[in-house]
PDB file of N, CA and C in Angstrom:
ATOM      1  N   MET A   1       0.837  -1.179   0.000  1.00  0.00           N
ATOM      2  CA  MET A   1       0.000   0.000   0.000  1.00  0.00           C
ATOM      3  C   MET A   1       0.887   1.249   0.000  1.00  0.00           C
ATOM      4  N   GLU A   2       0.608   2.121  -0.913  1.00  0.00           N
ATOM      5  CA  GLU A   2       1.389   3.353  -1.019  1.00  0.00           C
ATOM      6  C   GLU A   2       0.842   4.404  -0.063  1.00  0.00           C
ATOM      7  N   HIS A   3       1.770   5.156   0.497  1.00  0.00           N
ATOM      8  CA  HIS A   3       1.376   6.271   1.345  1.00  0.00           C
ATOM      9  C   HIS A   3       1.373   7.545   0.512  1.00  0.00           C
ATOM     10  N   PRO A   4       0.354   8.371   0.669  1.00  0.00           N
ATOM     11  CA  PRO A   4       0.337   9.612  -0.104  1.00  0.00           C
ATOM     12  C   PRO A   4       1.493  10.513   0.320  1.00  0.00           C
ATOM     13  N   VAL A   5       2.029  11.230  -0.627  1.00  0.00           N
ATOM     14  CA  VAL A   5       3.112  12.172  -0.338  1.00  0.00           C
ATOM     15  C   VAL A   5       2.494  13.391   0.350  1.00  0.00           C
ATOM     16  N   PRO A   6       2.990  13.731   1.520  1.00  0.00           N
ATOM     17  CA  PRO A   6       2.403  14.887   2.213  1.00  0.00           C
ATOM     18  C   PRO A   6       2.718  16.183   1.477  1.00  0.00           C
ATOM     19  N   ARG A   7       1.873  17.153   1.692  1.00  0.00           N
ATOM     20  CA  ARG A   7       2.077  18.486   1.119  1.00  0.00           C
ATOM     21  C   ARG A   7       2.584  19.413   2.223  1.00  0.00           C
ATOM     22  N   PRO A   8       3.441  20.360   1.894  1.00  0.00           N
ATOM     23  CA  PRO A   8       3.989  21.256   2.914  1.00  0.00           C
ATOM     24  C   PRO A   8       3.092  22.469   3.187  1.00  0.00           C
ATOM     25  N   ASP A   9       1.782  22.234   3.310  1.00  0.00           N
ATOM     26  CA  ASP A   9       0.844  23.346   3.485  1.00  0.00           C
ATOM     27  C   ASP A   9       1.123  24.156   4.747  1.00  0.00           C
ATOM     28  N   THR A  10       1.302  23.490   5.870  1.00  0.00           N
ATOM     29  CA  THR A  10       1.562  24.190   7.128  1.00  0.00           C
ATOM     30  C   THR A  10       2.887  24.938   7.063  1.00  0.00           C
ATOM     31  N   ILE A  11       3.893  24.286   6.531  1.00  0.00           N
ATOM     32  CA  ILE A  11       5.215  24.912   6.424  1.00  0.00           C
ATOM     33  C   ILE A  11       5.141  26.142   5.529  1.00  0.00           C
ATOM     34  N   ASN A  12       4.474  26.038   4.396  1.00  0.00           N
ATOM     35  CA  ASN A  12       4.345  27.186   3.499  1.00  0.00           C
ATOM     36  C   ASN A  12       3.567  28.323   4.135  1.00  0.00           C
ATOM     37  N   ALA A  13       2.511  28.002   4.867  1.00  0.00           N
ATOM     38  CA  ALA A  13       1.733  29.046   5.529  1.00  0.00           C
ATOM     39  C   ALA A  13       2.571  29.766   6.585  1.00  0.00           C
ATOM     40  N   LEU A  14       3.339  29.015   7.345  1.00  0.00           N
ATOM     41  CA  LEU A  14       4.208  29.627   8.353  1.00  0.00           C
ATOM     42  C   LEU A  14       5.292  30.475   7.706  1.00  0.00           C
ATOM     43  N   ARG A  15       5.847  29.980   6.623  1.00  0.00           N
ATOM     44  CA  ARG A  15       6.888  30.743   5.920  1.00  0.00           C
ATOM     45  C   ARG A  15       6.316  32.041   5.389  1.00  0.00           C
ATOM     46  N   TRP A  16       5.136  31.979   4.756  1.00  0.00           N
ATOM     47  CA  TRP A  16       4.533  33.192   4.217  1.00  0.00           C
ATOM     48  C   TRP A  16       4.227  34.172   5.344  1.00  0.00           C
ATOM     49  N   GLY A  17       3.759  33.676   6.463  1.00  0.00           N
ATOM     50  CA  GLY A  17       3.474  34.558   7.596  1.00  0.00           C
ATOM     51  C   GLY A  17       4.724  35.258   8.082  1.00  0.00           C
ATOM     52  N   ALA A  18       5.826  34.538   8.129  1.00  0.00           N
ATOM     53  CA  ALA A  18       7.090  35.144   8.556  1.00  0.00           C
ATOM     54  C   ALA A  18       7.573  36.157   7.527  1.00  0.00           C
ATOM     55  N   ASP A  19       7.474  35.815   6.244  1.00  0.00           N
ATOM     56  CA  ASP A  19       7.900  36.746   5.194  1.00  0.00           C
ATOM     57  C   ASP A  19       7.114  38.053   5.273  1.00  0.00           C
ATOM     58  N   ALA A  20       5.799  37.955   5.433  1.00  0.00           N
ATOM     59  CA  ALA A  20       4.963  39.153   5.517  1.00  0.00           C
ATOM     60  C   ALA A  20       5.302  39.967   6.763  1.00  0.00           C
ATOM     61  N   ALA A  21       5.522  39.294   7.882  1.00  0.00           N
ATOM     62  CA  ALA A  21       5.865  40.001   9.119  1.00  0.00           C
ATOM     63  C   ALA A  21       7.209  40.711   8.994  1.00  0.00           C
ATOM     64  N   PHE A  22       8.203  40.039   8.393  1.00  0.00           N
ATOM     65  CA  PHE A  22       9.504  40.682   8.211  1.00  0.00           C
ATOM     66  C   PHE A  22       9.413  41.847   7.237  1.00  0.00           C
ATOM     67  N   ALA A  23       8.581  41.734   6.206  1.00  0.00           N
ATOM     68  CA  ALA A  23       8.395  42.849   5.273  1.00  0.00           C
ATOM     69  C   ALA A  23       7.767  44.036   5.989  1.00  0.00           C
ATOM     70  N   MET A  24       6.752  43.791   6.823  1.00  0.00           N
ATOM     71  CA  MET A  24       6.135  44.874   7.572  1.00  0.00           C
ATOM     72  C   MET A  24       7.153  45.536   8.498  1.00  0.00           C
ATOM     73  N   LEU A  25       7.935  44.740   9.205  1.00  0.00           N
ATOM     74  CA  LEU A  25       8.948  45.278  10.106  1.00  0.00           C
ATOM     75  C   LEU A  25       9.964  46.128   9.349  1.00  0.00           C
ATOM     76  N   ALA A  26      10.423  45.641   8.201  1.00  0.00           N
ATOM     77  CA  ALA A  26      11.381  46.414   7.400  1.00  0.00           C
ATOM     78  C   ALA A  26      10.767  47.724   6.938  1.00  0.00           C
ATOM     79  N   GLY A  27       9.521  47.681   6.496  1.00  0.00           N
ATOM     80  CA  GLY A  27       8.834  48.908   6.084  1.00  0.00           C
ATOM     81  C   GLY A  27       8.704  49.900   7.229  1.00  0.00           C
ATOM     82  N   MET A  28       8.420  49.395   8.416  1.00  0.00           N
ATOM     83  CA  MET A  28       8.302  50.261   9.594  1.00  0.00           C
ATOM     84  C   MET A  28       9.656  50.837   9.978  1.00  0.00           C
ATOM     85  N   GLN A  29      10.702  50.040   9.920  1.00  0.00           N
ATOM     86  CA  GLN A  29      12.028  50.526  10.281  1.00  0.00           C
ATOM     87  C   GLN A  29      12.526  51.578   9.296  1.00  0.00           C
ATOM     88  N   LEU A  30      12.158  51.450   8.042  1.00  0.00           N
ATOM     89  CA  LEU A  30      12.521  52.461   7.044  1.00  0.00           C
ATOM     90  C   LEU A  30      11.617  53.688   7.100  1.00  0.00           C
ATOM     91  N   ASP A  31      10.519  53.599   7.836  1.00  0.00           N
ATOM     92  CA  ASP A  31       9.489  54.632   7.892  1.00  0.00           C
ATOM     93  C   ASP A  31       8.841  54.818   6.518  1.00  0.00           C
ATOM     94  N   LEU A  32       8.712  53.725   5.808  1.00  0.00           N
ATOM     95  CA  LEU A  32       8.150  53.700   4.470  1.00  0.00           C
ATOM     96  C   LEU A  32       6.699  54.171   4.440  1.00  0.00           C
ATOM     97  N   PHE A  33       5.918  53.740   5.403  1.00  0.00           N
ATOM     98  CA  PHE A  33       4.493  54.075   5.408  1.00  0.00           C
ATOM     99  C   PHE A  33       4.279  55.573   5.612  1.00  0.00           C
ATOM    100  N   THR A  34       5.136  56.187   6.407  1.00  0.00           N
ATOM    101  CA  THR A  34       5.063  57.637   6.597  1.00  0.00           C
ATOM    102  C   THR A  34       5.437  58.360   5.303  1.00  0.00           C
ATOM    103  N   ALA A  35       6.426  57.830   4.588  1.00  0.00           N
ATOM    104  CA  ALA A  35       6.827  58.444   3.319  1.00  0.00           C
ATOM    105  C   ALA A  35       5.706  58.389   2.290  1.00  0.00           C
ATOM    106  N   LEU A  36       4.762  57.466   2.465  1.00  0.00           N
ATOM    107  CA  LEU A  36       3.637  57.337   1.543  1.00  0.00           C
ATOM    108  C   LEU A  36       2.355  57.989   2.053  1.00  0.00           C
ATOM    109  N   GLN A  37       2.431  58.674   3.174  1.00  0.00           N
ATOM    110  CA  GLN A  37       1.201  59.197   3.771  1.00  0.00           C
ATOM    111  C   GLN A  37       0.476  60.217   2.899  1.00  0.00           C
ATOM    112  N   SER A  38       1.198  60.942   2.059  1.00  0.00           N
ATOM    113  CA  SER A  38       0.548  61.972   1.251  1.00  0.00           C
ATOM    114  C   SER A  38       0.139  61.481  -0.133  1.00  0.00           C
ATOM    115  N   GLY A  39       0.395  60.217  -0.438  1.00  0.00           N
ATOM    116  CA  GLY A  39      -0.047  59.677  -1.717  1.00  0.00           C
ATOM    117  C   GLY A  39       0.956  58.733  -2.338  1.00  0.00           C
ATOM    118  N   SER A  40       0.606  58.230  -3.514  1.00  0.00           N
ATOM    119  CA  SER A  40       1.404  57.207  -4.162  1.00  0.00           C
ATOM    120  C   SER A  40       2.700  57.779  -4.723  1.00  0.00           C
ATOM    121  N   ARG A  41       3.710  56.900  -4.766  1.00  0.00           N
ATOM    122  CA  ARG A  41       5.028  57.289  -5.268  1.00  0.00           C
ATOM    123  C   ARG A  41       5.664  56.110  -5.971  1.00  0.00           C
ATOM    124  N   THR A  42       6.634  56.412  -6.809  1.00  0.00           N
ATOM    125  CA  THR A  42       7.382  55.372  -7.510  1.00  0.00           C
ATOM    126  C   THR A  42       8.485  54.842  -6.602  1.00  0.00           C
ATOM    127  N   PRO A  43       9.010  53.660  -6.910  1.00  0.00           N
ATOM    128  CA  PRO A  43      10.134  53.148  -6.127  1.00  0.00           C
ATOM    129  C   PRO A  43      11.334  54.104  -6.117  1.00  0.00           C
ATOM    130  N   THR A  44      11.611  54.755  -7.236  1.00  0.00           N
ATOM    131  CA  THR A  44      12.737  55.689  -7.299  1.00  0.00           C
ATOM    132  C   THR A  44      12.506  56.883  -6.384  1.00  0.00           C
ATOM    133  N   GLN A  45      11.305  57.426  -6.392  1.00  0.00           N
ATOM    134  CA  GLN A  45      10.988  58.546  -5.504  1.00  0.00           C
ATOM    135  C   GLN A  45      11.132  58.139  -4.044  1.00  0.00           C
ATOM    136  N   LEU A  46      10.615  56.970  -3.716  1.00  0.00           N
ATOM    137  CA  LEU A  46      10.716  56.481  -2.341  1.00  0.00           C
ATOM    138  C   LEU A  46      12.159  56.215  -1.942  1.00  0.00           C
ATOM    139  N   ALA A  47      12.922  55.616  -2.838  1.00  0.00           N
ATOM    140  CA  ALA A  47      14.325  55.321  -2.546  1.00  0.00           C
ATOM    141  C   ALA A  47      15.092  56.611  -2.262  1.00  0.00           C
ATOM    142  N   ASP A  48      14.842  57.644  -3.048  1.00  0.00           N
ATOM    143  CA  ASP A  48      15.499  58.932  -2.816  1.00  0.00           C
ATOM    144  C   ASP A  48      15.111  59.505  -1.451  1.00  0.00           C
ATOM    145  N   THR A  49      13.843  59.435  -1.114  1.00  0.00           N
ATOM    146  CA  THR A  49      13.360  59.949   0.173  1.00  0.00           C
ATOM    147  C   THR A  49      13.958  59.180   1.345  1.00  0.00           C
ATOM    148  N   LEU A  50      14.022  57.854   1.210  1.00  0.00           N
ATOM    149  CA  LEU A  50      14.458  56.999   2.310  1.00  0.00           C
ATOM    150  C   LEU A  50      15.969  56.783   2.347  1.00  0.00           C
ATOM    151  N   GLY A  51      16.657  57.147   1.276  1.00  0.00           N
ATOM    152  CA  GLY A  51      18.102  56.966   1.227  1.00  0.00           C
ATOM    153  C   GLY A  51      18.523  55.515   1.080  1.00  0.00           C
ATOM    154  N   VAL A  52      17.775  54.763   0.283  1.00  0.00           N
ATOM    155  CA  VAL A  52      18.088  53.350   0.040  1.00  0.00           C
ATOM    156  C   VAL A  52      18.127  53.087  -1.461  1.00  0.00           C
ATOM    157  N   GLY A  53      18.610  51.912  -1.841  1.00  0.00           N
ATOM    158  CA  GLY A  53      18.651  51.531  -3.243  1.00  0.00           C
ATOM    159  C   GLY A  53      17.273  51.175  -3.775  1.00  0.00           C
ATOM    160  N   ALA A  54      16.961  51.653  -4.967  1.00  0.00           N
ATOM    161  CA  ALA A  54      15.635  51.429  -5.553  1.00  0.00           C
ATOM    162  C   ALA A  54      15.387  49.955  -5.877  1.00  0.00           C
ATOM    163  N   GLY A  55      16.420  49.222  -6.283  1.00  0.00           N
ATOM    164  CA  GLY A  55      16.235  47.813  -6.638  1.00  0.00           C
ATOM    165  C   GLY A  55      15.787  46.970  -5.469  1.00  0.00           C
ATOM    166  N   ARG A  56      16.469  47.098  -4.371  1.00  0.00           N
ATOM    167  CA  ARG A  56      16.079  46.317  -3.184  1.00  0.00           C
ATOM    168  C   ARG A  56      14.761  46.807  -2.604  1.00  0.00           C
ATOM    169  N   LEU A  57      14.547  48.106  -2.655  1.00  0.00           N
ATOM    170  CA  LEU A  57      13.292  48.649  -2.144  1.00  0.00           C
ATOM    171  C   LEU A  57      12.118  48.107  -2.951  1.00  0.00           C
ATOM    172  N   ARG A  58      12.284  47.983  -4.247  1.00  0.00           N
ATOM    173  CA  ARG A  58      11.208  47.465  -5.107  1.00  0.00           C
ATOM    174  C   ARG A  58      10.765  46.075  -4.638  1.00  0.00           C
ATOM    175  N   LEU A  59      11.718  45.225  -4.264  1.00  0.00           N
ATOM    176  CA  LEU A  59      11.367  43.888  -3.754  1.00  0.00           C
ATOM    177  C   LEU A  59      10.523  43.995  -2.489  1.00  0.00           C
ATOM    178  N   LEU A  60      10.906  44.896  -1.597  1.00  0.00           N
ATOM    179  CA  LEU A  60      10.143  45.092  -0.366  1.00  0.00           C
ATOM    180  C   LEU A  60       8.754  45.625  -0.673  1.00  0.00           C
ATOM    181  N   LEU A  61       8.654  46.555  -1.600  1.00  0.00           N
ATOM    182  CA  LEU A  61       7.352  47.128  -1.941  1.00  0.00           C
ATOM    183  C   LEU A  61       6.392  46.048  -2.429  1.00  0.00           C
ATOM    184  N   TYR A  62       6.866  45.174  -3.296  1.00  0.00           N
ATOM    185  CA  TYR A  62       5.983  44.111  -3.791  1.00  0.00           C
ATOM    186  C   TYR A  62       5.647  43.097  -2.694  1.00  0.00           C
ATOM    187  N   ALA A  63       6.562  42.853  -1.774  1.00  0.00           N
ATOM    188  CA  ALA A  63       6.252  41.980  -0.635  1.00  0.00           C
ATOM    189  C   ALA A  63       5.157  42.604   0.218  1.00  0.00           C
ATOM    190  N   LEU A  64       5.197  43.921   0.375  1.00  0.00           N
ATOM    191  CA  LEU A  64       4.167  44.609   1.161  1.00  0.00           C
ATOM    192  C   LEU A  64       2.825  44.658   0.424  1.00  0.00           C
ATOM    193  N   VAL A  65       2.859  44.686  -0.905  1.00  0.00           N
ATOM    194  CA  VAL A  65       1.616  44.561  -1.677  1.00  0.00           C
ATOM    195  C   VAL A  65       1.016  43.181  -1.435  1.00  0.00           C
ATOM    196  N   ALA A  66       1.850  42.148  -1.520  1.00  0.00           N
ATOM    197  CA  ALA A  66       1.367  40.778  -1.298  1.00  0.00           C
ATOM    198  C   ALA A  66       0.841  40.598   0.124  1.00  0.00           C
ATOM    199  N   ALA A  67       1.431  41.315   1.073  1.00  0.00           N
ATOM    200  CA  ALA A  67       0.997  41.230   2.469  1.00  0.00           C
ATOM    201  C   ALA A  67      -0.275  42.036   2.733  1.00  0.00           C
ATOM    202  N   GLY A  68      -0.696  42.848   1.779  1.00  0.00           N
ATOM    203  CA  GLY A  68      -1.920  43.630   1.943  1.00  0.00           C
ATOM    204  C   GLY A  68      -1.731  44.962   2.636  1.00  0.00           C
ATOM    205  N   LEU A  69      -0.486  45.450   2.717  1.00  0.00           N
ATOM    206  CA  LEU A  69      -0.229  46.733   3.380  1.00  0.00           C
ATOM    207  C   LEU A  69       0.006  47.882   2.400  1.00  0.00           C
ATOM    208  N   LEU A  70       0.313  47.562   1.152  1.00  0.00           N
ATOM    209  CA  LEU A  70       0.462  48.567   0.105  1.00  0.00           C
ATOM    210  C   LEU A  70      -0.368  48.160  -1.103  1.00  0.00           C
ATOM    211  N   THR A  71      -0.681  49.148  -1.937  1.00  0.00           N
ATOM    212  CA  THR A  71      -1.277  48.888  -3.233  1.00  0.00           C
ATOM    213  C   THR A  71      -0.299  49.358  -4.297  1.00  0.00           C
ATOM    214  N   GLU A  72      -0.445  48.818  -5.498  1.00  0.00           N
ATOM    215  CA  GLU A  72       0.399  49.239  -6.623  1.00  0.00           C
ATOM    216  C   GLU A  72      -0.485  49.447  -7.834  1.00  0.00           C
ATOM    217  N   GLN A  73      -0.292  50.582  -8.485  1.00  0.00           N
ATOM    218  CA  GLN A  73      -1.011  50.854  -9.720  1.00  0.00           C
ATOM    219  C   GLN A  73      -0.085  51.643 -10.632  1.00  0.00           C
ATOM    220  N   ASP A  74       0.131  51.114 -11.811  1.00  0.00           N
ATOM    221  CA  ASP A  74       0.985  51.770 -12.811  1.00  0.00           C
ATOM    222  C   ASP A  74       2.368  52.108 -12.260  1.00  0.00           C
ATOM    223  N   GLY A  75       2.928  51.198 -11.463  1.00  0.00           N
ATOM    224  CA  GLY A  75       4.279  51.397 -10.946  1.00  0.00           C
ATOM    225  C   GLY A  75       4.385  52.365  -9.791  1.00  0.00           C
ATOM    226  N   ARG A  76       3.254  52.772  -9.244  1.00  0.00           N
ATOM    227  CA  ARG A  76       3.232  53.686  -8.093  1.00  0.00           C
ATOM    228  C   ARG A  76       2.626  52.952  -6.906  1.00  0.00           C
ATOM    229  N   PHE A  77       3.221  53.125  -5.755  1.00  0.00           N
ATOM    230  CA  PHE A  77       2.812  52.419  -4.551  1.00  0.00           C
ATOM    231  C   PHE A  77       2.149  53.375  -3.573  1.00  0.00           C
ATOM    232  N   ALA A  78       1.172  52.856  -2.844  1.00  0.00           N
ATOM    233  CA  ALA A  78       0.451  53.657  -1.853  1.00  0.00           C
ATOM    234  C   ALA A  78       0.087  52.784  -0.661  1.00  0.00           C
ATOM    235  N   ASN A  79      -0.129  53.416   0.474  1.00  0.00           N
ATOM    236  CA  ASN A  79      -0.601  52.712   1.663  1.00  0.00           C
ATOM    237  C   ASN A  79      -2.018  52.213   1.451  1.00  0.00           C
ATOM    238  N   THR A  80      -2.333  51.062   2.021  1.00  0.00           N
ATOM    239  CA  THR A  80      -3.727  50.649   2.124  1.00  0.00           C
ATOM    240  C   THR A  80      -4.348  51.491   3.237  1.00  0.00           C
ATOM    241  N   PRO A  81      -5.667  51.540   3.344  1.00  0.00           N
ATOM    242  CA  PRO A  81      -6.282  52.295   4.437  1.00  0.00           C
ATOM    243  C   PRO A  81      -5.786  51.845   5.821  1.00  0.00           C
ATOM    244  N   GLU A  82      -5.590  50.548   5.999  1.00  0.00           N
ATOM    245  CA  GLU A  82      -5.108  50.038   7.285  1.00  0.00           C
ATOM    246  C   GLU A  82      -3.698  50.537   7.589  1.00  0.00           C
ATOM    247  N   ALA A  83      -2.801  50.462   6.617  1.00  0.00           N
ATOM    248  CA  ALA A  83      -1.435  50.956   6.815  1.00  0.00           C
ATOM    249  C   ALA A  83      -1.441  52.458   7.060  1.00  0.00           C
ATOM    250  N   GLN A  84      -2.269  53.177   6.327  1.00  0.00           N
ATOM    251  CA  GLN A  84      -2.353  54.630   6.499  1.00  0.00           C
ATOM    252  C   GLN A  84      -2.805  54.975   7.920  1.00  0.00           C
ATOM    253  N   HIS A  85      -3.730  54.221   8.435  1.00  0.00           N
ATOM    254  CA  HIS A  85      -4.294  54.505   9.751  1.00  0.00           C
ATOM    255  C   HIS A  85      -3.356  54.105  10.895  1.00  0.00           C
ATOM    256  N   PHE A  86      -2.684  52.962  10.761  1.00  0.00           N
ATOM    257  CA  PHE A  86      -1.925  52.414  11.884  1.00  0.00           C
ATOM    258  C   PHE A  86      -0.402  52.468  11.766  1.00  0.00           C
ATOM    259  N   LEU A  87       0.151  52.675  10.574  1.00  0.00           N
ATOM    260  CA  LEU A  87       1.602  52.556  10.409  1.00  0.00           C
ATOM    261  C   LEU A  87       2.303  53.855  10.023  1.00  0.00           C
ATOM    262  N   VAL A  88       1.579  54.957   9.966  1.00  0.00           N
ATOM    263  CA  VAL A  88       2.186  56.260   9.687  1.00  0.00           C
ATOM    264  C   VAL A  88       2.636  56.868  11.009  1.00  0.00           C
ATOM    265  N   GLN A  89       3.924  57.179  11.096  1.00  0.00           N
ATOM    266  CA  GLN A  89       4.501  57.747  12.320  1.00  0.00           C
ATOM    267  C   GLN A  89       3.864  59.098  12.657  1.00  0.00           C
ATOM    268  N   GLY A  90       3.739  59.370  13.932  1.00  0.00           N
ATOM    269  CA  GLY A  90       3.300  60.676  14.401  1.00  0.00           C
ATOM    270  C   GLY A  90       1.808  60.905  14.402  1.00  0.00           C
ATOM    271  N   THR A  91       1.023  59.901  14.035  1.00  0.00           N
ATOM    272  CA  THR A  91      -0.428  60.052  14.080  1.00  0.00           C
ATOM    273  C   THR A  91      -0.946  59.472  15.388  1.00  0.00           C
ATOM    274  N   PRO A  92      -2.093  59.930  15.852  1.00  0.00           N
ATOM    275  CA  PRO A  92      -2.621  59.411  17.122  1.00  0.00           C
ATOM    276  C   PRO A  92      -2.916  57.910  17.101  1.00  0.00           C
ATOM    277  N   THR A  93      -3.143  57.346  15.917  1.00  0.00           N
ATOM    278  CA  THR A  93      -3.490  55.930  15.813  1.00  0.00           C
ATOM    279  C   THR A  93      -2.296  55.048  15.440  1.00  0.00           C
ATOM    280  N   SER A  94      -1.107  55.617  15.369  1.00  0.00           N
ATOM    281  CA  SER A  94       0.072  54.863  14.938  1.00  0.00           C
ATOM    282  C   SER A  94       0.438  53.763  15.933  1.00  0.00           C
ATOM    283  N   LEU A  95       0.628  52.573  15.394  1.00  0.00           N
ATOM    284  CA  LEU A  95       1.110  51.438  16.179  1.00  0.00           C
ATOM    285  C   LEU A  95       2.566  51.145  15.854  1.00  0.00           C
ATOM    286  N   ALA A  96       3.175  51.963  15.010  1.00  0.00           N
ATOM    287  CA  ALA A  96       4.523  51.681  14.509  1.00  0.00           C
ATOM    288  C   ALA A  96       5.530  51.533  15.635  1.00  0.00           C
ATOM    289  N   GLY A  97       5.497  52.374  16.638  1.00  0.00           N
ATOM    290  CA  GLY A  97       6.434  52.265  17.743  1.00  0.00           C
ATOM    291  C   GLY A  97       6.238  51.010  18.558  1.00  0.00           C
ATOM    292  N   VAL A  98       4.999  50.573  18.671  1.00  0.00           N
ATOM    293  CA  VAL A  98       4.658  49.373  19.439  1.00  0.00           C
ATOM    294  C   VAL A  98       5.205  48.119  18.761  1.00  0.00           C
ATOM    295  N   TYR A  99       5.190  48.106  17.428  1.00  0.00           N
ATOM    296  CA  TYR A  99       5.560  46.909  16.680  1.00  0.00           C
ATOM    297  C   TYR A  99       6.938  46.977  16.028  1.00  0.00           C
ATOM    298  N   GLY A 100       7.796  47.852  16.494  1.00  0.00           N
ATOM    299  CA  GLY A 100       9.167  47.827  16.012  1.00  0.00           C
ATOM    300  C   GLY A 100       9.548  48.924  15.070  1.00  0.00           C
ATOM    301  N   GLY A 101       8.689  49.904  14.854  1.00  0.00           N
ATOM    302  CA  GLY A 101       9.058  51.032  14.012  1.00  0.00           C
ATOM    303  C   GLY A 101       9.927  51.990  14.790  1.00  0.00           C
ATOM    304  N   GLN A 102      10.154  53.145  14.230  1.00  0.00           N
ATOM    305  CA  GLN A 102      11.026  54.121  14.863  1.00  0.00           C
ATOM    306  C   GLN A 102      10.410  54.736  16.113  1.00  0.00           C
ATOM    307  N   GLY A 103       9.106  54.674  16.210  1.00  0.00           N
ATOM    308  CA  GLY A 103       8.431  55.229  17.383  1.00  0.00           C
ATOM    309  C   GLY A 103       8.252  56.726  17.275  1.00  0.00           C
ATOM    310  N   PRO A 104       7.350  57.279  18.094  1.00  0.00           N
ATOM    311  CA  PRO A 104       7.074  58.705  18.037  1.00  0.00           C
ATOM    312  C   PRO A 104       8.212  59.546  18.538  1.00  0.00           C
TER     313      PRO A 104
END
């Protein structure tokens, strides 16, 4: 009797959860969500503002889109309503300092 080959569903779900959490943490540490508070921007514009390389930042931006914290349209990235409300530094509703961002 053959045994079915197991699928790595649990492992993949845990990995994706960790990837999304690390992407959020990196975005908070860069203060990326605050840089997007006034509207959408290109990776190059964001890289210039944040003082980082555009190539690596682009990877993070797409990870944050996949995580549901950013949107992308025509190569421009913006905060989702949730990120705008909770991850922008200096706002009364900011949780960024609580979860590893730069804090107020």
